[in-house]
Amino acid sequence: MNNQLMLHCGAKPATYYDLTQMGTDHYKPMTATHKPLPHYEVANRIKKSIKAFTDYSIVDEQYGVSHKQKNCFGLMSLKKNNDQHHDYDMVYAWRHSNNMMFGLRAGMGSRVFVCDNMAFMVESEIQGCKHTANIGDTFDNRIADLNKTLLARDQELHAKYDRYKNVRISYRDADHVIMQSVRAGALPKTKVTAVDAEWRDPSFKYDSNGVSLWDLFNAFTHVNKGTFYADQIKRTQTLHKVFDEYPNYSHMQI
């Protein structure tokens, strides 16, 4: 991943080494029962779990911090041997808050190589990982429980994208998809014209026929760059649902 990726997520870029060098202020307790963890320790435990319960290798990792380093966002690019999907990576994303903004959450999505477009199919809160006295006893087991189910959905994501690449879409139907995404909350109204312009005159050449759902999907994710990561995660999960439902709301169905 290039060093601009976290800027696309609205976070200040950081390396793993940066996480290890952060002072204790970023995990300073806020109450008598609050027992936060250093970000690097969370990263270590997540990497250990991925290696233990999947046949994926972590080929790259990148981090970002926000809110005076209290919050951390991590992205880990995953690859399997003989992976046939050469135009995008699977990414494992997680976010961790030491200021009680949200619980520890992890999800799975994709990153397109040519443009760094990102999209998230699913994100779940890791239950039972509150920053309390027993977090050390429960953390690893809770992450393992989530990862066993989360990473098993990789073929579902590949199937989605294979379908997007094989479905041709007219400009008229693309208008319907764009407006449906607004109604569903996947796209702010203020970005409608930007997505339409990117779809009609893309900034990048994708591994597709140029007029597919995949091209339109990447118009959305390209325009989405720079949005804060929590908002990106929420909107792109909804975006997948909008695209999966097409052509149920195409002009031919009205």
C-alpha atoms as a PDB file:
ATOM      1  CA  MET A   1       0.000   0.000   0.000  1.00  0.00           C
ATOM      2  CA  ASN A   2       1.298   3.457  -0.676  1.00  0.00           C
ATOM      3  CA  ASN A   3       1.711   6.046   2.027  1.00  0.00           C
ATOM      4  CA  GLN A   4      -1.258   8.073   0.748  1.00  0.00           C
ATOM      5  CA  LEU A   5      -3.796   5.426   1.652  1.00  0.00           C
ATOM      6  CA  MET A   6      -4.433   6.599   5.196  1.00  0.00           C
ATOM      7  CA  LEU A   7      -4.839  10.154   3.958  1.00  0.00           C
ATOM      8  CA  HIS A   8      -7.634   8.776   1.779  1.00  0.00           C
ATOM      9  CA  CYS A   9      -9.196   7.508   5.014  1.00  0.00           C
ATOM     10  CA  GLY A  10      -8.968  10.826   6.831  1.00  0.00           C
ATOM     11  CA  ALA A  11      -6.357   9.549   9.301  1.00  0.00           C
ATOM     12  CA  LYS A  12      -2.761  10.566   9.979  1.00  0.00           C
ATOM     13  CA  PRO A  13      -0.516   7.845   8.487  1.00  0.00           C
ATOM     14  CA  ALA A  14       1.596   5.761  10.862  1.00  0.00           C
ATOM     15  CA  THR A  15       3.814   2.697  10.608  1.00  0.00           C
ATOM     16  CA  TYR A  16       3.833  -0.252  12.954  1.00  0.00           C
ATOM     17  CA  TYR A  17       7.077   1.107  14.376  1.00  0.00           C
ATOM     18  CA  ASP A  18       5.315   4.423  15.040  1.00  0.00           C
ATOM     19  CA  LEU A  19       2.698   2.561  17.064  1.00  0.00           C
ATOM     20  CA  THR A  20       5.388   0.940  19.200  1.00  0.00           C
ATOM     21  CA  GLN A  21       6.937   4.338  19.910  1.00  0.00           C
ATOM     22  CA  MET A  22       3.773   6.080  21.075  1.00  0.00           C
ATOM     23  CA  GLY A  23       3.756   7.292  24.642  1.00  0.00           C
ATOM     24  CA  THR A  24       1.493   5.976  27.345  1.00  0.00           C
ATOM     25  CA  ASP A  25      -0.904   8.907  26.975  1.00  0.00           C
ATOM     26  CA  HIS A  26      -2.690   7.186  24.073  1.00  0.00           C
ATOM     27  CA  TYR A  27      -3.858   4.375  26.366  1.00  0.00           C
ATOM     28  CA  LYS A  28      -4.217   6.306  29.586  1.00  0.00           C
ATOM     29  CA  PRO A  29      -7.296   5.114  31.578  1.00  0.00           C
ATOM     30  CA  MET A  30     -10.257   7.479  31.588  1.00  0.00           C
ATOM     31  CA  THR A  31     -11.982   5.910  34.619  1.00  0.00           C
ATOM     32  CA  ALA A  32     -11.072   3.599  37.470  1.00  0.00           C
ATOM     33  CA  THR A  33     -12.333   0.557  35.541  1.00  0.00           C
ATOM     34  CA  HIS A  34     -11.045   1.591  32.107  1.00  0.00           C
ATOM     35  CA  LYS A  35      -8.118  -0.622  30.986  1.00  0.00           C
ATOM     36  CA  PRO A  36      -7.187   0.407  27.419  1.00  0.00           C
ATOM     37  CA  LEU A  37      -4.524  -1.318  25.340  1.00  0.00           C
ATOM     38  CA  PRO A  38      -1.640   0.095  23.285  1.00  0.00           C
ATOM     39  CA  HIS A  39      -2.466   0.106  19.582  1.00  0.00           C
ATOM     40  CA  TYR A  40       0.567  -1.989  18.685  1.00  0.00           C
ATOM     41  CA  GLU A  41      -0.609  -4.730  21.047  1.00  0.00           C
ATOM     42  CA  VAL A  42      -3.988  -4.840  19.342  1.00  0.00           C
ATOM     43  CA  ALA A  43      -2.213  -5.095  15.970  1.00  0.00           C
ATOM     44  CA  ASN A  44      -0.044  -7.956  17.217  1.00  0.00           C
ATOM     45  CA  ARG A  45      -2.989  -9.954  18.510  1.00  0.00           C
ATOM     46  CA  ILE A  46      -4.981  -9.483  15.328  1.00  0.00           C
ATOM     47  CA  LYS A  47      -2.048 -10.556  13.132  1.00  0.00           C
ATOM     48  CA  LYS A  48      -1.541 -13.627  15.299  1.00  0.00           C
ATOM     49  CA  SER A  49      -5.204 -14.580  14.901  1.00  0.00           C
ATOM     50  CA  ILE A  50      -5.204 -14.149  11.112  1.00  0.00           C
ATOM     51  CA  LYS A  51      -2.157 -16.402  10.796  1.00  0.00           C
ATOM     52  CA  ALA A  52      -3.614 -19.002  13.148  1.00  0.00           C
ATOM     53  CA  PHE A  53      -7.060 -19.402  11.610  1.00  0.00           C
ATOM     54  CA  THR A  54      -6.638 -18.731   7.879  1.00  0.00           C
ATOM     55  CA  ASP A  55      -4.333 -19.632   5.010  1.00  0.00           C
ATOM     56  CA  TYR A  56      -3.899 -15.971   4.138  1.00  0.00           C
ATOM     57  CA  SER A  57      -0.539 -14.244   4.356  1.00  0.00           C
ATOM     58  CA  ILE A  58      -0.325 -10.615   5.446  1.00  0.00           C
ATOM     59  CA  VAL A  59       1.614  -9.026   2.593  1.00  0.00           C
ATOM     60  CA  ASP A  60       1.336  -5.406   3.687  1.00  0.00           C
ATOM     61  CA  GLU A  61       0.042  -3.412   6.621  1.00  0.00           C
ATOM     62  CA  GLN A  62      -0.634   0.247   7.227  1.00  0.00           C
ATOM     63  CA  TYR A  63      -1.992   2.248  10.114  1.00  0.00           C
ATOM     64  CA  GLY A  64      -3.526   5.614  10.811  1.00  0.00           C
ATOM     65  CA  VAL A  65      -4.293   7.474  14.017  1.00  0.00           C
ATOM     66  CA  SER A  66      -6.740  10.211  14.923  1.00  0.00           C
ATOM     67  CA  HIS A  67      -8.171  12.037  17.923  1.00  0.00           C
ATOM     68  CA  LYS A  68      -4.781  12.756  19.537  1.00  0.00           C
ATOM     69  CA  GLN A  69      -3.627   9.197  18.782  1.00  0.00           C
ATOM     70  CA  LYS A  70      -6.397   7.737  20.924  1.00  0.00           C
ATOM     71  CA  ASN A  71      -8.001   6.024  17.928  1.00  0.00           C
ATOM     72  CA  CYS A  72      -6.243   3.721  15.483  1.00  0.00           C
ATOM     73  CA  PHE A  73      -7.275   2.345  12.089  1.00  0.00           C
ATOM     74  CA  GLY A  74      -5.389  -0.639  10.640  1.00  0.00           C
ATOM     75  CA  LEU A  75      -5.391  -2.143   7.157  1.00  0.00           C
ATOM     76  CA  MET A  76      -3.757  -5.453   6.342  1.00  0.00           C
ATOM     77  CA  SER A  77      -3.491  -6.689   2.739  1.00  0.00           C
ATOM     78  CA  LEU A  78      -4.102 -10.428   2.503  1.00  0.00           C
ATOM     79  CA  LYS A  79      -3.009 -12.883  -0.176  1.00  0.00           C
ATOM     80  CA  LYS A  80      -3.294 -16.613  -0.745  1.00  0.00           C
ATOM     81  CA  ASN A  81      -0.968 -18.689  -2.876  1.00  0.00           C
ATOM     82  CA  ASN A  82      -2.214 -18.947  -6.474  1.00  0.00           C
ATOM     83  CA  ASP A  83      -4.717 -16.133  -5.971  1.00  0.00           C
ATOM     84  CA  GLN A  84      -6.326 -15.476  -9.357  1.00  0.00           C
ATOM     85  CA  HIS A  85      -7.612 -11.989  -8.550  1.00  0.00           C
ATOM     86  CA  HIS A  86      -4.752  -9.797  -9.668  1.00  0.00           C
ATOM     87  CA  ASP A  87      -6.452  -6.404  -9.800  1.00  0.00           C
ATOM     88  CA  TYR A  88      -7.415  -6.081  -6.143  1.00  0.00           C
ATOM     89  CA  ASP A  89      -6.331  -7.151  -2.668  1.00  0.00           C
ATOM     90  CA  MET A  90      -8.435  -8.541   0.093  1.00  0.00           C
ATOM     91  CA  VAL A  91      -8.055  -6.213   3.063  1.00  0.00           C
ATOM     92  CA  TYR A  92      -8.666  -6.869   6.720  1.00  0.00           C
ATOM     93  CA  ALA A  93      -9.540  -3.621   8.446  1.00  0.00           C
ATOM     94  CA  TRP A  94      -9.862  -2.907  12.124  1.00  0.00           C
ATOM     95  CA  ARG A  95     -10.400   0.121  14.312  1.00  0.00           C
ATOM     96  CA  HIS A  96      -9.631   0.533  17.951  1.00  0.00           C
ATOM     97  CA  SER A  97     -10.573   3.360  20.299  1.00  0.00           C
ATOM     98  CA  ASN A  98      -9.011   4.220  23.636  1.00  0.00           C
ATOM     99  CA  ASN A  99     -11.327   7.172  24.240  1.00  0.00           C
ATOM    100  CA  MET A 100     -14.564   5.142  24.300  1.00  0.00           C
ATOM    101  CA  MET A 101     -15.802   6.411  20.913  1.00  0.00           C
ATOM    102  CA  PHE A 102     -16.492   2.853  19.722  1.00  0.00           C
ATOM    103  CA  GLY A 103     -15.685  -0.744  20.554  1.00  0.00           C
ATOM    104  CA  LEU A 104     -12.993  -2.749  18.820  1.00  0.00           C
ATOM    105  CA  ARG A 105     -14.312  -3.501  15.336  1.00  0.00           C
ATOM    106  CA  ALA A 106     -12.981  -5.553  12.437  1.00  0.00           C
ATOM    107  CA  GLY A 107     -14.104  -6.030   8.858  1.00  0.00           C
ATOM    108  CA  MET A 108     -13.215  -7.300   5.428  1.00  0.00           C
ATOM    109  CA  GLY A 109     -13.129  -5.576   2.085  1.00  0.00           C
ATOM    110  CA  SER A 110     -11.007  -4.808  -0.929  1.00  0.00           C
ATOM    111  CA  ARG A 111      -8.458  -2.398  -2.364  1.00  0.00           C
ATOM    112  CA  VAL A 112      -8.055  -1.958  -6.115  1.00  0.00           C
ATOM    113  CA  PHE A 113      -4.363  -1.774  -7.020  1.00  0.00           C
ATOM    114  CA  VAL A 114      -4.479   0.776  -9.808  1.00  0.00           C
ATOM    115  CA  CYS A 115      -6.165   3.502  -7.798  1.00  0.00           C
ATOM    116  CA  ASP A 116      -6.248   2.578  -4.076  1.00  0.00           C
ATOM    117  CA  ASN A 117     -10.054   2.519  -4.142  1.00  0.00           C
ATOM    118  CA  MET A 118     -11.341   0.787  -1.025  1.00  0.00           C
ATOM    119  CA  ALA A 119     -14.656  -0.794  -0.136  1.00  0.00           C
ATOM    120  CA  PHE A 120     -15.822  -2.768   2.883  1.00  0.00           C
ATOM    121  CA  MET A 121     -18.283  -5.634   2.621  1.00  0.00           C
ATOM    122  CA  VAL A 122     -18.754  -6.339   6.315  1.00  0.00           C
ATOM    123  CA  GLU A 123     -17.691  -4.978   9.691  1.00  0.00           C
ATOM    124  CA  SER A 124     -18.518  -6.371  13.116  1.00  0.00           C
ATOM    125  CA  GLU A 125     -17.876  -5.304  16.664  1.00  0.00           C
ATOM    126  CA  ILE A 126     -15.717  -7.789  18.519  1.00  0.00           C
ATOM    127  CA  GLN A 127     -18.026  -8.677  21.373  1.00  0.00           C
ATOM    128  CA  GLY A 128     -16.695  -8.951  24.904  1.00  0.00           C
ATOM    129  CA  CYS A 129     -13.624  -6.793  24.283  1.00  0.00           C
ATOM    130  CA  LYS A 130     -14.449  -3.815  26.434  1.00  0.00           C
ATOM    131  CA  HIS A 131     -11.481  -2.146  28.051  1.00  0.00           C
ATOM    132  CA  THR A 132     -12.037  -3.558  31.510  1.00  0.00           C
ATOM    133  CA  ALA A 133      -9.914  -5.546  33.944  1.00  0.00           C
ATOM    134  CA  ASN A 134     -10.434  -8.911  32.216  1.00  0.00           C
ATOM    135  CA  ILE A 135      -9.657  -7.775  28.672  1.00  0.00           C
ATOM    136  CA  GLY A 136      -6.374  -9.699  28.649  1.00  0.00           C
ATOM    137  CA  ASP A 137      -8.205 -12.965  29.315  1.00  0.00           C
ATOM    138  CA  THR A 138     -10.922 -12.537  26.698  1.00  0.00           C
ATOM    139  CA  PHE A 139      -9.309 -10.553  23.894  1.00  0.00           C
ATOM    140  CA  ASP A 140      -7.628 -13.346  21.922  1.00  0.00           C
ATOM    141  CA  ASN A 141     -10.593 -15.715  22.133  1.00  0.00           C
ATOM    142  CA  ARG A 142     -13.045 -13.038  21.015  1.00  0.00           C
ATOM    143  CA  ILE A 143     -10.901 -12.068  18.028  1.00  0.00           C
ATOM    144  CA  ALA A 144     -10.523 -15.725  17.080  1.00  0.00           C
ATOM    145  CA  ASP A 145     -14.296 -16.243  17.199  1.00  0.00           C
ATOM    146  CA  LEU A 146     -14.860 -13.321  14.842  1.00  0.00           C
ATOM    147  CA  ASN A 147     -12.053 -14.119  12.423  1.00  0.00           C
ATOM    148  CA  LYS A 148     -13.167 -17.709  11.940  1.00  0.00           C
ATOM    149  CA  THR A 149     -16.435 -16.432  10.452  1.00  0.00           C
ATOM    150  CA  LEU A 150     -15.309 -13.131   8.974  1.00  0.00           C
ATOM    151  CA  LEU A 151     -12.475 -14.415   6.814  1.00  0.00           C
ATOM    152  CA  ALA A 152     -14.545 -17.372   5.660  1.00  0.00           C
ATOM    153  CA  ARG A 153     -16.585 -14.891   3.616  1.00  0.00           C
ATOM    154  CA  ASP A 154     -13.762 -14.188   1.176  1.00  0.00           C
ATOM    155  CA  GLN A 155     -15.334 -16.246  -1.613  1.00  0.00           C
ATOM    156  CA  GLU A 156     -18.548 -14.276  -1.194  1.00  0.00           C
ATOM    157  CA  LEU A 157     -16.641 -11.083  -1.910  1.00  0.00           C
ATOM    158  CA  HIS A 158     -14.857 -12.573  -4.936  1.00  0.00           C
ATOM    159  CA  ALA A 159     -18.206 -13.760  -6.318  1.00  0.00           C
ATOM    160  CA  LYS A 160     -19.664 -10.265  -5.957  1.00  0.00           C
ATOM    161  CA  TYR A 161     -16.839  -8.686  -7.910  1.00  0.00           C
ATOM    162  CA  ASP A 162     -16.869 -11.345 -10.614  1.00  0.00           C
ATOM    163  CA  ARG A 163     -20.542 -10.571 -11.129  1.00  0.00           C
ATOM    164  CA  TYR A 164     -19.960  -6.806 -11.174  1.00  0.00           C
ATOM    165  CA  LYS A 165     -17.345  -7.262 -13.913  1.00  0.00           C
ATOM    166  CA  ASN A 166     -19.654  -9.406 -16.042  1.00  0.00           C
ATOM    167  CA  VAL A 167     -22.768  -7.214 -15.883  1.00  0.00           C
ATOM    168  CA  ARG A 168     -22.938  -4.482 -18.511  1.00  0.00           C
ATOM    169  CA  ILE A 169     -24.907  -1.403 -17.526  1.00  0.00           C
ATOM    170  CA  SER A 170     -26.367   1.423 -19.577  1.00  0.00           C
ATOM    171  CA  TYR A 171     -25.938   5.084 -18.704  1.00  0.00           C
ATOM    172  CA  ARG A 172     -29.656   5.214 -18.008  1.00  0.00           C
ATOM    173  CA  ASP A 173     -29.453   2.364 -15.505  1.00  0.00           C
ATOM    174  CA  ALA A 174     -26.303   3.859 -13.993  1.00  0.00           C
ATOM    175  CA  ASP A 175     -28.376   6.930 -13.156  1.00  0.00           C
ATOM    176  CA  HIS A 176     -30.816   4.661 -11.308  1.00  0.00           C
ATOM    177  CA  VAL A 177     -27.988   2.997  -9.367  1.00  0.00           C
ATOM    178  CA  ILE A 178     -26.544   6.371  -8.379  1.00  0.00           C
ATOM    179  CA  MET A 179     -29.894   7.652  -7.125  1.00  0.00           C
ATOM    180  CA  GLN A 180     -30.662   4.370  -5.363  1.00  0.00           C
ATOM    181  CA  SER A 181     -27.332   4.703  -3.547  1.00  0.00           C
ATOM    182  CA  VAL A 182     -28.389   8.155  -2.338  1.00  0.00           C
ATOM    183  CA  ARG A 183     -31.716   6.823  -1.095  1.00  0.00           C
ATOM    184  CA  ALA A 184     -29.951   3.953   0.695  1.00  0.00           C
ATOM    185  CA  GLY A 185     -27.382   6.234   2.351  1.00  0.00           C
ATOM    186  CA  ALA A 186     -24.374   4.944   0.416  1.00  0.00           C
ATOM    187  CA  LEU A 187     -23.698   8.304  -1.243  1.00  0.00           C
ATOM    188  CA  PRO A 188     -24.256  11.898  -0.098  1.00  0.00           C
ATOM    189  CA  LYS A 189     -26.386  13.968  -2.462  1.00  0.00           C
ATOM    190  CA  THR A 190     -23.508  16.402  -2.800  1.00  0.00           C
ATOM    191  CA  LYS A 191     -21.385  13.758  -4.583  1.00  0.00           C
ATOM    192  CA  VAL A 192     -23.896  12.644  -7.213  1.00  0.00           C
ATOM    193  CA  THR A 193     -22.421  14.716 -10.042  1.00  0.00           C
ATOM    194  CA  ALA A 194     -18.870  13.681  -9.093  1.00  0.00           C
ATOM    195  CA  VAL A 195     -19.743   9.970  -9.305  1.00  0.00           C
ATOM    196  CA  ASP A 196     -21.567  10.480 -12.601  1.00  0.00           C
ATOM    197  CA  ALA A 197     -18.591  12.351 -14.077  1.00  0.00           C
ATOM    198  CA  GLU A 198     -16.126   9.699 -12.870  1.00  0.00           C
ATOM    199  CA  TRP A 199     -18.286   6.919 -14.318  1.00  0.00           C
ATOM    200  CA  ARG A 200     -18.499   8.598 -17.721  1.00  0.00           C
ATOM    201  CA  ASP A 201     -14.838   9.634 -17.839  1.00  0.00           C
ATOM    202  CA  PRO A 202     -12.894   7.437 -15.375  1.00  0.00           C
ATOM    203  CA  SER A 203      -9.555   8.467 -13.941  1.00  0.00           C
ATOM    204  CA  PHE A 204      -8.238   4.888 -14.231  1.00  0.00           C
ATOM    205  CA  LYS A 205      -8.550   1.869 -16.495  1.00  0.00           C
ATOM    206  CA  TYR A 206      -9.963  -1.037 -14.536  1.00  0.00           C
ATOM    207  CA  ASP A 207      -9.833  -4.745 -15.344  1.00  0.00           C
ATOM    208  CA  SER A 208     -13.212  -4.674 -17.092  1.00  0.00           C
ATOM    209  CA  ASN A 209     -15.050  -3.826 -20.306  1.00  0.00           C
ATOM    210  CA  GLY A 210     -15.433  -0.137 -19.383  1.00  0.00           C
ATOM    211  CA  VAL A 211     -19.237  -0.198 -19.080  1.00  0.00           C
ATOM    212  CA  SER A 212     -19.747  -2.716 -16.273  1.00  0.00           C
ATOM    213  CA  LEU A 213     -21.064  -2.552 -12.744  1.00  0.00           C
ATOM    214  CA  TRP A 214     -17.422  -2.869 -11.674  1.00  0.00           C
ATOM    215  CA  ASP A 215     -16.564   0.395 -13.462  1.00  0.00           C
ATOM    216  CA  LEU A 216     -19.497   2.156 -11.817  1.00  0.00           C
ATOM    217  CA  PHE A 217     -18.609   0.676  -8.429  1.00  0.00           C
ATOM    218  CA  ASN A 218     -15.080   2.067  -8.746  1.00  0.00           C
ATOM    219  CA  ALA A 219     -16.455   5.482  -9.668  1.00  0.00           C
ATOM    220  CA  PHE A 220     -18.157   5.485  -6.267  1.00  0.00           C
ATOM    221  CA  THR A 221     -15.108   4.324  -4.328  1.00  0.00           C
ATOM    222  CA  HIS A 222     -12.808   6.755  -6.166  1.00  0.00           C
ATOM    223  CA  VAL A 223     -15.022   9.710  -5.257  1.00  0.00           C
ATOM    224  CA  ASN A 224     -15.232   8.378  -1.697  1.00  0.00           C
ATOM    225  CA  LYS A 225     -11.508   8.905  -1.102  1.00  0.00           C
ATOM    226  CA  GLY A 226     -10.747  11.385   1.654  1.00  0.00           C
ATOM    227  CA  THR A 227     -13.853  10.495   3.651  1.00  0.00           C
ATOM    228  CA  PHE A 228     -13.120   9.623   7.266  1.00  0.00           C
ATOM    229  CA  TYR A 229     -12.646   5.883   7.621  1.00  0.00           C
ATOM    230  CA  ALA A 230     -15.663   5.249   9.874  1.00  0.00           C
ATOM    231  CA  ASP A 231     -17.924   6.863   7.269  1.00  0.00           C
ATOM    232  CA  GLN A 232     -16.216   4.978   4.417  1.00  0.00           C
ATOM    233  CA  ILE A 233     -16.815   1.669   6.157  1.00  0.00           C
ATOM    234  CA  LYS A 234     -20.503   2.380   6.706  1.00  0.00           C
ATOM    235  CA  ARG A 235     -21.206   3.764   3.243  1.00  0.00           C
ATOM    236  CA  THR A 236     -19.359   1.100   1.260  1.00  0.00           C
ATOM    237  CA  GLN A 237     -21.099  -1.701   3.151  1.00  0.00           C
ATOM    238  CA  THR A 238     -24.377  -0.156   2.001  1.00  0.00           C
ATOM    239  CA  LEU A 239     -22.971   0.349  -1.495  1.00  0.00           C
ATOM    240  CA  HIS A 240     -22.356  -3.390  -1.863  1.00  0.00           C
ATOM    241  CA  LYS A 241     -26.002  -4.018  -0.983  1.00  0.00           C
ATOM    242  CA  VAL A 242     -27.192  -1.503  -3.588  1.00  0.00           C
ATOM    243  CA  PHE A 243     -25.089  -3.143  -6.298  1.00  0.00           C
ATOM    244  CA  ASP A 244     -26.132  -6.648  -5.246  1.00  0.00           C
ATOM    245  CA  GLU A 245     -29.797  -5.689  -5.685  1.00  0.00           C
ATOM    246  CA  TYR A 246     -29.363  -4.452  -9.263  1.00  0.00           C
ATOM    247  CA  PRO A 247     -31.261  -4.866 -11.638  1.00  0.00           C
ATOM    248  CA  ASN A 248     -34.280  -5.080  -9.324  1.00  0.00           C
ATOM    249  CA  TYR A 249     -34.687  -1.298  -9.534  1.00  0.00           C
ATOM    250  CA  SER A 250     -33.478  -0.688 -13.117  1.00  0.00           C
ATOM    251  CA  HIS A 251     -35.634   1.412 -15.477  1.00  0.00           C
ATOM    252  CA  MET A 252     -36.882  -1.857 -17.004  1.00  0.00           C
ATOM    253  CA  GLN A 253     -38.470  -2.773 -13.665  1.00  0.00           C
ATOM    254  CA  ILE A 254     -40.329   0.520 -13.206  1.00  0.00           C
END
